[in-house]
Amino acid sequence: MPSRRALVVIGVQHAMVALAHRGAETVAAIAGLSERARAAGVPVVTVLHRGADLVPGTEP
């Protein structure tokens, strides 16, 4: 059976990084994992929050 792998990143928002425990370290870890996954041919799926308080086209 072929391997089915993907990296799924859910709800990482720039506005919350400053409030999160070790936020900058967490973002760096996610970036590193994403880079390694892409280099290995593993799909990276990013799920972003949408809401009335978020303006389309701005950074998540």
C-alpha atoms as a PDB file:
ATOM      1  CA  MET A   1       0.000   0.000   0.000  1.00  0.00           C
ATOM      2  CA  PRO A   2       1.449   3.419  -0.935  1.00  0.00           C
ATOM      3  CA  SER A   3       2.186   5.863   1.855  1.00  0.00           C
ATOM      4  CA  ARG A   4      -0.293   8.737   2.261  1.00  0.00           C
ATOM      5  CA  ARG A   5       1.300  11.562   4.162  1.00  0.00           C
ATOM      6  CA  ALA A   6       0.655  15.274   4.507  1.00  0.00           C
ATOM      7  CA  LEU A   7       1.537  18.012   6.951  1.00  0.00           C
ATOM      8  CA  VAL A   8      -1.558  19.905   8.094  1.00  0.00           C
ATOM      9  CA  VAL A   9      -1.057  23.328   9.717  1.00  0.00           C
ATOM     10  CA  ILE A  10      -4.193  24.691  11.372  1.00  0.00           C
ATOM     11  CA  GLY A  11      -4.954  28.198  12.590  1.00  0.00           C
ATOM     12  CA  VAL A  12      -1.545  29.878  12.865  1.00  0.00           C
ATOM     13  CA  GLN A  13      -2.266  33.608  12.974  1.00  0.00           C
ATOM     14  CA  HIS A  14       0.323  36.388  13.193  1.00  0.00           C
ATOM     15  CA  ALA A  15      -1.774  38.375  15.669  1.00  0.00           C
ATOM     16  CA  MET A  16      -1.734  35.501  18.156  1.00  0.00           C
ATOM     17  CA  VAL A  17       2.019  34.780  18.030  1.00  0.00           C
ATOM     18  CA  ALA A  18       2.840  37.562  20.507  1.00  0.00           C
ATOM     19  CA  LEU A  19       0.275  36.185  22.948  1.00  0.00           C
ATOM     20  CA  ALA A  20       1.199  32.517  22.617  1.00  0.00           C
ATOM     21  CA  HIS A  21       3.622  30.699  24.906  1.00  0.00           C
ATOM     22  CA  ARG A  22       6.905  30.468  22.919  1.00  0.00           C
ATOM     23  CA  GLY A  23       5.070  31.796  19.873  1.00  0.00           C
ATOM     24  CA  ALA A  24       8.166  32.706  17.827  1.00  0.00           C
ATOM     25  CA  GLU A  25       9.704  29.279  18.501  1.00  0.00           C
ATOM     26  CA  THR A  26       6.468  27.594  17.463  1.00  0.00           C
ATOM     27  CA  VAL A  27       6.299  29.542  14.189  1.00  0.00           C
ATOM     28  CA  ALA A  28       9.955  28.682  13.472  1.00  0.00           C
ATOM     29  CA  ALA A  29       9.255  24.986  14.121  1.00  0.00           C
ATOM     30  CA  ILE A  30       6.224  25.035  11.803  1.00  0.00           C
ATOM     31  CA  ALA A  31       8.272  26.773   9.089  1.00  0.00           C
ATOM     32  CA  GLY A  32      11.028  24.172   9.423  1.00  0.00           C
ATOM     33  CA  LEU A  33       8.597  21.275   9.282  1.00  0.00           C
ATOM     34  CA  SER A  34       6.867  22.776   6.247  1.00  0.00           C
ATOM     35  CA  GLU A  35      10.180  23.232   4.443  1.00  0.00           C
ATOM     36  CA  ARG A  36      11.282  19.670   5.181  1.00  0.00           C
ATOM     37  CA  ALA A  37       7.912  18.263   4.121  1.00  0.00           C
ATOM     38  CA  ARG A  38       7.949  20.114   0.797  1.00  0.00           C
ATOM     39  CA  ALA A  39      11.564  19.069   0.145  1.00  0.00           C
ATOM     40  CA  ALA A  40      10.495  15.449   0.687  1.00  0.00           C
ATOM     41  CA  GLY A  41       7.538  15.819  -1.685  1.00  0.00           C
ATOM     42  CA  VAL A  42       4.988  15.705   1.144  1.00  0.00           C
ATOM     43  CA  PRO A  43       1.982  18.009   0.617  1.00  0.00           C
ATOM     44  CA  VAL A  44       1.550  20.856   3.115  1.00  0.00           C
ATOM     45  CA  VAL A  45      -2.054  21.870   3.779  1.00  0.00           C
ATOM     46  CA  THR A  46      -2.662  25.147   5.612  1.00  0.00           C
ATOM     47  CA  VAL A  47      -6.095  25.813   7.107  1.00  0.00           C
ATOM     48  CA  LEU A  48      -6.815  29.482   7.763  1.00  0.00           C
ATOM     49  CA  HIS A  49      -9.558  30.987   9.899  1.00  0.00           C
ATOM     50  CA  ARG A  50     -12.147  33.113   8.148  1.00  0.00           C
ATOM     51  CA  GLY A  51     -14.482  35.449   9.919  1.00  0.00           C
ATOM     52  CA  ALA A  52     -16.228  38.797   9.788  1.00  0.00           C
ATOM     53  CA  ASP A  53     -13.395  40.380  11.781  1.00  0.00           C
ATOM     54  CA  LEU A  54     -10.740  39.308   9.234  1.00  0.00           C
ATOM     55  CA  VAL A  55     -10.183  41.380   6.117  1.00  0.00           C
ATOM     56  CA  PRO A  56      -9.657  39.304   2.913  1.00  0.00           C
ATOM     57  CA  GLY A  57      -6.180  39.697   1.439  1.00  0.00           C
ATOM     58  CA  THR A  58      -4.440  40.596   4.704  1.00  0.00           C
ATOM     59  CA  GLU A  59      -1.870  38.391   6.409  1.00  0.00           C
ATOM     60  CA  PRO A  60      -3.332  35.582   8.489  1.00  0.00           C
END
